[in-house]
């Protein structure tokens, strides 16, 4: 699990694109977009045990 900054100088631009993707959406639409994005990224990872560890880590950081 990589929790260190792995985007480097691209981090700010990735964040900006993510925020732009949410522009004009209602709160419910924004939540739905985030859910779809999580599922798409989970599919890219493709490893259930790794995903469960990432989900737990994300929850612990909340």
PDB file of N, CA and C in Angstrom:
ATOM      1  N   UNK A   1       0.846  -1.162   0.000  1.00  0.00           N
ATOM      2  CA  UNK A   1       0.000   0.000   0.000  1.00  0.00           C
ATOM      3  C   UNK A   1       0.897   1.233   0.000  1.00  0.00           C
ATOM      4  N   UNK A   2       0.666   2.114  -0.954  1.00  0.00           N
ATOM      5  CA  UNK A   2       1.459   3.342  -1.069  1.00  0.00           C
ATOM      6  C   UNK A   2       0.656   4.487  -0.464  1.00  0.00           C
ATOM      7  N   UNK A   3       1.114   4.994   0.670  1.00  0.00           N
ATOM      8  CA  UNK A   3       0.449   6.133   1.302  1.00  0.00           C
ATOM      9  C   UNK A   3       1.274   7.408   1.179  1.00  0.00           C
ATOM     10  N   UNK A   4       2.508   7.274   0.706  1.00  0.00           N
ATOM     11  CA  UNK A   4       3.331   8.457   0.459  1.00  0.00           C
ATOM     12  C   UNK A   4       2.877   9.098  -0.851  1.00  0.00           C
ATOM     13  N   UNK A   5       3.235  10.368  -1.026  1.00  0.00           N
ATOM     14  CA  UNK A   5       2.897  11.094  -2.247  1.00  0.00           C
ATOM     15  C   UNK A   5       3.538  10.401  -3.444  1.00  0.00           C
ATOM     16  N   UNK A   6       2.707   9.840  -4.302  1.00  0.00           N
ATOM     17  CA  UNK A   6       3.199   9.138  -5.476  1.00  0.00           C
ATOM     18  C   UNK A   6       2.926   9.917  -6.764  1.00  0.00           C
ATOM     19  N   UNK A   7       2.294  11.086  -6.637  1.00  0.00           N
ATOM     20  CA  UNK A   7       1.980  11.902  -7.805  1.00  0.00           C
ATOM     21  C   UNK A   7       3.003  13.009  -8.033  1.00  0.00           C
ATOM     22  N   UNK A   8       3.760  13.328  -6.992  1.00  0.00           N
ATOM     23  CA  UNK A   8       4.777  14.363  -7.128  1.00  0.00           C
ATOM     24  C   UNK A   8       4.177  15.686  -7.571  1.00  0.00           C
ATOM     25  N   UNK A   9       4.801  16.292  -8.566  1.00  0.00           N
ATOM     26  CA  UNK A   9       4.352  17.608  -9.022  1.00  0.00           C
ATOM     27  C   UNK A   9       3.021  17.546  -9.763  1.00  0.00           C
ATOM     28  N   UNK A  10       2.554  16.361 -10.131  1.00  0.00           N
ATOM     29  CA  UNK A  10       1.258  16.231 -10.800  1.00  0.00           C
ATOM     30  C   UNK A  10       0.085  16.234  -9.826  1.00  0.00           C
ATOM     31  N   UNK A  11       0.356  16.148  -8.544  1.00  0.00           N
ATOM     32  CA  UNK A  11      -0.712  16.071  -7.549  1.00  0.00           C
ATOM     33  C   UNK A  11      -1.691  17.223  -7.626  1.00  0.00           C
ATOM     34  N   UNK A  12      -1.187  18.439  -7.731  1.00  0.00           N
ATOM     35  CA  UNK A  12      -2.072  19.605  -7.791  1.00  0.00           C
ATOM     36  C   UNK A  12      -2.919  19.602  -9.057  1.00  0.00           C
ATOM     37  N   UNK A  13      -2.337  19.214 -10.175  1.00  0.00           N
ATOM     38  CA  UNK A  13      -3.116  19.211 -11.421  1.00  0.00           C
ATOM     39  C   UNK A  13      -4.150  18.085 -11.423  1.00  0.00           C
ATOM     40  N   UNK A  14      -3.816  16.955 -10.837  1.00  0.00           N
ATOM     41  CA  UNK A  14      -4.793  15.864 -10.724  1.00  0.00           C
ATOM     42  C   UNK A  14      -5.952  16.311  -9.839  1.00  0.00           C
ATOM     43  N   UNK A  15      -5.650  16.978  -8.736  1.00  0.00           N
ATOM     44  CA  UNK A  15      -6.699  17.491  -7.847  1.00  0.00           C
ATOM     45  C   UNK A  15      -7.573  18.497  -8.588  1.00  0.00           C
ATOM     46  N   UNK A  16      -6.963  19.379  -9.359  1.00  0.00           N
ATOM     47  CA  UNK A  16      -7.719  20.390 -10.109  1.00  0.00           C
ATOM     48  C   UNK A  16      -8.665  19.736 -11.113  1.00  0.00           C
ATOM     49  N   UNK A  17      -8.200  18.693 -11.792  1.00  0.00           N
ATOM     50  CA  UNK A  17      -9.055  17.983 -12.750  1.00  0.00           C
ATOM     51  C   UNK A  17     -10.209  17.307 -12.012  1.00  0.00           C
ATOM     52  N   UNK A  18      -9.930  16.711 -10.859  1.00  0.00           N
ATOM     53  CA  UNK A  18     -10.979  16.070 -10.068  1.00  0.00           C
ATOM     54  C   UNK A  18     -12.032  17.090  -9.649  1.00  0.00           C
ATOM     55  N   UNK A  19     -11.601  18.252  -9.169  1.00  0.00           N
ATOM     56  CA  UNK A  19     -12.548  19.283  -8.750  1.00  0.00           C
ATOM     57  C   UNK A  19     -13.347  19.806  -9.944  1.00  0.00           C
ATOM     58  N   UNK A  20     -12.702  19.974 -11.084  1.00  0.00           N
ATOM     59  CA  UNK A  20     -13.399  20.432 -12.287  1.00  0.00           C
ATOM     60  C   UNK A  20     -14.445  19.412 -12.728  1.00  0.00           C
ATOM     61  N   UNK A  21     -14.157  18.133 -12.524  1.00  0.00           N
ATOM     62  CA  UNK A  21     -15.093  17.075 -12.888  1.00  0.00           C
ATOM     63  C   UNK A  21     -16.373  17.173 -12.070  1.00  0.00           C
ATOM     64  N   UNK A  22     -16.271  17.701 -10.851  1.00  0.00           N
ATOM     65  CA  UNK A  22     -17.427  17.839  -9.958  1.00  0.00           C
ATOM     66  C   UNK A  22     -18.198  19.138 -10.170  1.00  0.00           C
ATOM     67  N   UNK A  23     -17.648  20.066 -10.922  1.00  0.00           N
ATOM     68  CA  UNK A  23     -18.303  21.370 -11.115  1.00  0.00           C
ATOM     69  C   UNK A  23     -19.694  21.203 -11.708  1.00  0.00           C
ATOM     70  N   UNK A  24     -20.640  21.922 -11.120  1.00  0.00           N
ATOM     71  CA  UNK A  24     -22.013  21.925 -11.626  1.00  0.00           C
ATOM     72  C   UNK A  24     -22.862  20.760 -11.173  1.00  0.00           C
ATOM     73  N   UNK A  25     -22.283  19.832 -10.426  1.00  0.00           N
ATOM     74  CA  UNK A  25     -23.046  18.683  -9.945  1.00  0.00           C
ATOM     75  C   UNK A  25     -23.692  19.001  -8.602  1.00  0.00           C
ATOM     76  N   UNK A  26     -24.852  18.416  -8.371  1.00  0.00           N
ATOM     77  CA  UNK A  26     -25.464  18.512  -7.046  1.00  0.00           C
ATOM     78  C   UNK A  26     -24.642  17.661  -6.081  1.00  0.00           C
ATOM     79  N   UNK A  27     -24.940  17.781  -4.805  1.00  0.00           N
ATOM     80  CA  UNK A  27     -24.229  16.963  -3.814  1.00  0.00           C
ATOM     81  C   UNK A  27     -24.449  15.474  -4.090  1.00  0.00           C
ATOM     82  N   UNK A  28     -25.682  15.095  -4.411  1.00  0.00           N
ATOM     83  CA  UNK A  28     -25.986  13.686  -4.693  1.00  0.00           C
ATOM     84  C   UNK A  28     -25.248  13.212  -5.946  1.00  0.00           C
ATOM     85  N   UNK A  29     -25.211  14.038  -6.977  1.00  0.00           N
ATOM     86  CA  UNK A  29     -24.501  13.676  -8.199  1.00  0.00           C
ATOM     87  C   UNK A  29     -22.999  13.550  -7.944  1.00  0.00           C
ATOM     88  N   UNK A  30     -22.480  14.432  -7.099  1.00  0.00           N
ATOM     89  CA  UNK A  30     -21.065  14.391  -6.753  1.00  0.00           C
ATOM     90  C   UNK A  30     -20.729  13.113  -5.991  1.00  0.00           C
ATOM     91  N   UNK A  31     -21.594  12.735  -5.062  1.00  0.00           N
ATOM     92  CA  UNK A  31     -21.389  11.478  -4.317  1.00  0.00           C
ATOM     93  C   UNK A  31     -21.442  10.284  -5.269  1.00  0.00           C
ATOM     94  N   UNK A  32     -22.376  10.303  -6.202  1.00  0.00           N
ATOM     95  CA  UNK A  32     -22.496   9.204  -7.167  1.00  0.00           C
ATOM     96  C   UNK A  32     -21.256   9.131  -8.053  1.00  0.00           C
ATOM     97  N   UNK A  33     -20.746  10.285  -8.467  1.00  0.00           N
ATOM     98  CA  UNK A  33     -19.516  10.317  -9.261  1.00  0.00           C
ATOM     99  C   UNK A  33     -18.359   9.710  -8.478  1.00  0.00           C
ATOM    100  N   UNK A  34     -18.232  10.093  -7.199  1.00  0.00           N
ATOM    101  CA  UNK A  34     -17.161   9.537  -6.369  1.00  0.00           C
ATOM    102  C   UNK A  34     -17.299   8.026  -6.241  1.00  0.00           C
ATOM    103  N   UNK A  35     -18.524   7.539  -6.071  1.00  0.00           N
ATOM    104  CA  UNK A  35     -18.738   6.089  -5.952  1.00  0.00           C
ATOM    105  C   UNK A  35     -18.327   5.381  -7.245  1.00  0.00           C
ATOM    106  N   UNK A  36     -18.718   5.949  -8.394  1.00  0.00           N
ATOM    107  CA  UNK A  36     -18.323   5.340  -9.665  1.00  0.00           C
ATOM    108  C   UNK A  36     -16.809   5.352  -9.826  1.00  0.00           C
ATOM    109  N   UNK A  37     -16.185   6.454  -9.440  1.00  0.00           N
ATOM    110  CA  UNK A  37     -14.733   6.568  -9.549  1.00  0.00           C
ATOM    111  C   UNK A  37     -14.039   5.535  -8.661  1.00  0.00           C
ATOM    112  N   UNK A  38     -14.523   5.355  -7.441  1.00  0.00           N
ATOM    113  CA  UNK A  38     -13.943   4.339  -6.546  1.00  0.00           C
ATOM    114  C   UNK A  38     -14.058   2.957  -7.167  1.00  0.00           C
ATOM    115  N   UNK A  39     -15.214   2.645  -7.732  1.00  0.00           N
ATOM    116  CA  UNK A  39     -15.398   1.322  -8.336  1.00  0.00           C
ATOM    117  C   UNK A  39     -14.522   1.143  -9.573  1.00  0.00           C
ATOM    118  N   UNK A  40     -14.356   2.181 -10.371  1.00  0.00           N
ATOM    119  CA  UNK A  40     -13.491   2.099 -11.549  1.00  0.00           C
ATOM    120  C   UNK A  40     -12.033   1.890 -11.138  1.00  0.00           C
ATOM    121  N   UNK A  41     -11.580   2.640 -10.119  1.00  0.00           N
ATOM    122  CA  UNK A  41     -10.206   2.487  -9.645  1.00  0.00           C
ATOM    123  C   UNK A  41     -10.010   1.128  -8.983  1.00  0.00           C
ATOM    124  N   UNK A  42     -11.032   0.656  -8.260  1.00  0.00           N
ATOM    125  CA  UNK A  42     -10.959  -0.676  -7.651  1.00  0.00           C
ATOM    126  C   UNK A  42     -10.816  -1.738  -8.730  1.00  0.00           C
ATOM    127  N   UNK A  43     -11.520  -1.577  -9.822  1.00  0.00           N
ATOM    128  CA  UNK A  43     -11.407  -2.521 -10.927  1.00  0.00           C
ATOM    129  C   UNK A  43     -10.000  -2.501 -11.510  1.00  0.00           C
ATOM    130  N   UNK A  44      -9.379  -1.321 -11.567  1.00  0.00           N
ATOM    131  CA  UNK A  44      -8.001  -1.212 -12.055  1.00  0.00           C
ATOM    132  C   UNK A  44      -7.039  -1.967 -11.138  1.00  0.00           C
ATOM    133  N   UNK A  45      -7.256  -1.861  -9.815  1.00  0.00           N
ATOM    134  CA  UNK A  45      -6.396  -2.561  -8.850  1.00  0.00           C
ATOM    135  C   UNK A  45      -6.630  -4.064  -8.967  1.00  0.00           C
ATOM    136  N   UNK A  46      -7.901  -4.465  -8.939  1.00  0.00           N
ATOM    137  CA  UNK A  46      -8.262  -5.845  -9.209  1.00  0.00           C
ATOM    138  C   UNK A  46      -7.868  -6.881  -8.173  1.00  0.00           C
ATOM    139  N   UNK A  47      -7.507  -6.476  -6.974  1.00  0.00           N
ATOM    140  CA  UNK A  47      -7.080  -7.414  -5.934  1.00  0.00           C
ATOM    141  C   UNK A  47      -7.909  -7.146  -4.680  1.00  0.00           C
ATOM    142  N   UNK A  48      -8.827  -8.058  -4.367  1.00  0.00           N
ATOM    143  CA  UNK A  48      -9.764  -7.839  -3.268  1.00  0.00           C
ATOM    144  C   UNK A  48      -9.063  -7.578  -1.939  1.00  0.00           C
ATOM    145  N   UNK A  49      -8.065  -8.355  -1.594  1.00  0.00           N
ATOM    146  CA  UNK A  49      -7.373  -8.174  -0.312  1.00  0.00           C
ATOM    147  C   UNK A  49      -6.694  -6.807  -0.247  1.00  0.00           C
ATOM    148  N   UNK A  50      -6.074  -6.415  -1.329  1.00  0.00           N
ATOM    149  CA  UNK A  50      -5.419  -5.099  -1.373  1.00  0.00           C
ATOM    150  C   UNK A  50      -6.451  -3.985  -1.244  1.00  0.00           C
ATOM    151  N   UNK A  51      -7.581  -4.140  -1.920  1.00  0.00           N
ATOM    152  CA  UNK A  51      -8.642  -3.137  -1.833  1.00  0.00           C
ATOM    153  C   UNK A  51      -9.207  -3.045  -0.414  1.00  0.00           C
ATOM    154  N   UNK A  52      -9.410  -4.184   0.229  1.00  0.00           N
ATOM    155  CA  UNK A  52      -9.921  -4.160   1.607  1.00  0.00           C
ATOM    156  C   UNK A  52      -8.951  -3.434   2.529  1.00  0.00           C
ATOM    157  N   UNK A  53      -7.658  -3.650   2.339  1.00  0.00           N
ATOM    158  CA  UNK A  53      -6.653  -2.948   3.145  1.00  0.00           C
ATOM    159  C   UNK A  53      -6.678  -1.439   2.862  1.00  0.00           C
ATOM    160  N   UNK A  54      -6.840  -1.077   1.595  1.00  0.00           N
ATOM    161  CA  UNK A  54      -6.918   0.349   1.239  1.00  0.00           C
ATOM    162  C   UNK A  54      -8.177   0.991   1.812  1.00  0.00           C
ATOM    163  N   UNK A  55      -9.294   0.309   1.727  1.00  0.00           N
ATOM    164  CA  UNK A  55     -10.546   0.840   2.291  1.00  0.00           C
ATOM    165  C   UNK A  55     -10.397   1.064   3.796  1.00  0.00           C
ATOM    166  N   UNK A  56      -9.799   0.095   4.487  1.00  0.00           N
ATOM    167  CA  UNK A  56      -9.599   0.221   5.940  1.00  0.00           C
ATOM    168  C   UNK A  56      -8.670   1.390   6.246  1.00  0.00           C
ATOM    169  N   UNK A  57      -7.608   1.535   5.484  1.00  0.00           N
ATOM    170  CA  UNK A  57      -6.666   2.643   5.702  1.00  0.00           C
ATOM    171  C   UNK A  57      -7.340   3.984   5.471  1.00  0.00           C
ATOM    172  N   UNK A  58      -8.159   4.071   4.428  1.00  0.00           N
ATOM    173  CA  UNK A  58      -8.875   5.317   4.146  1.00  0.00           C
ATOM    174  C   UNK A  58      -9.837   5.652   5.284  1.00  0.00           C
ATOM    175  N   UNK A  59     -10.481   4.655   5.818  1.00  0.00           N
ATOM    176  CA  UNK A  59     -11.423   4.873   6.933  1.00  0.00           C
ATOM    177  C   UNK A  59     -10.668   5.359   8.176  1.00  0.00           C
ATOM    178  N   UNK A  60      -9.493   4.770   8.419  1.00  0.00           N
ATOM    179  CA  UNK A  60      -8.696   5.153   9.582  1.00  0.00           C
ATOM    180  C   UNK A  60      -8.185   6.585   9.475  1.00  0.00           C
ATOM    181  N   UNK A  61      -7.999   7.082   8.255  1.00  0.00           N
ATOM    182  CA  UNK A  61      -7.505   8.440   8.052  1.00  0.00           C
ATOM    183  C   UNK A  61      -8.618   9.474   8.186  1.00  0.00           C
ATOM    184  N   UNK A  62      -9.871   9.026   8.189  1.00  0.00           N
ATOM    185  CA  UNK A  62     -11.014   9.953   8.258  1.00  0.00           C
ATOM    186  C   UNK A  62     -11.151  10.580   9.631  1.00  0.00           C
TER     187      UNK A  62
END
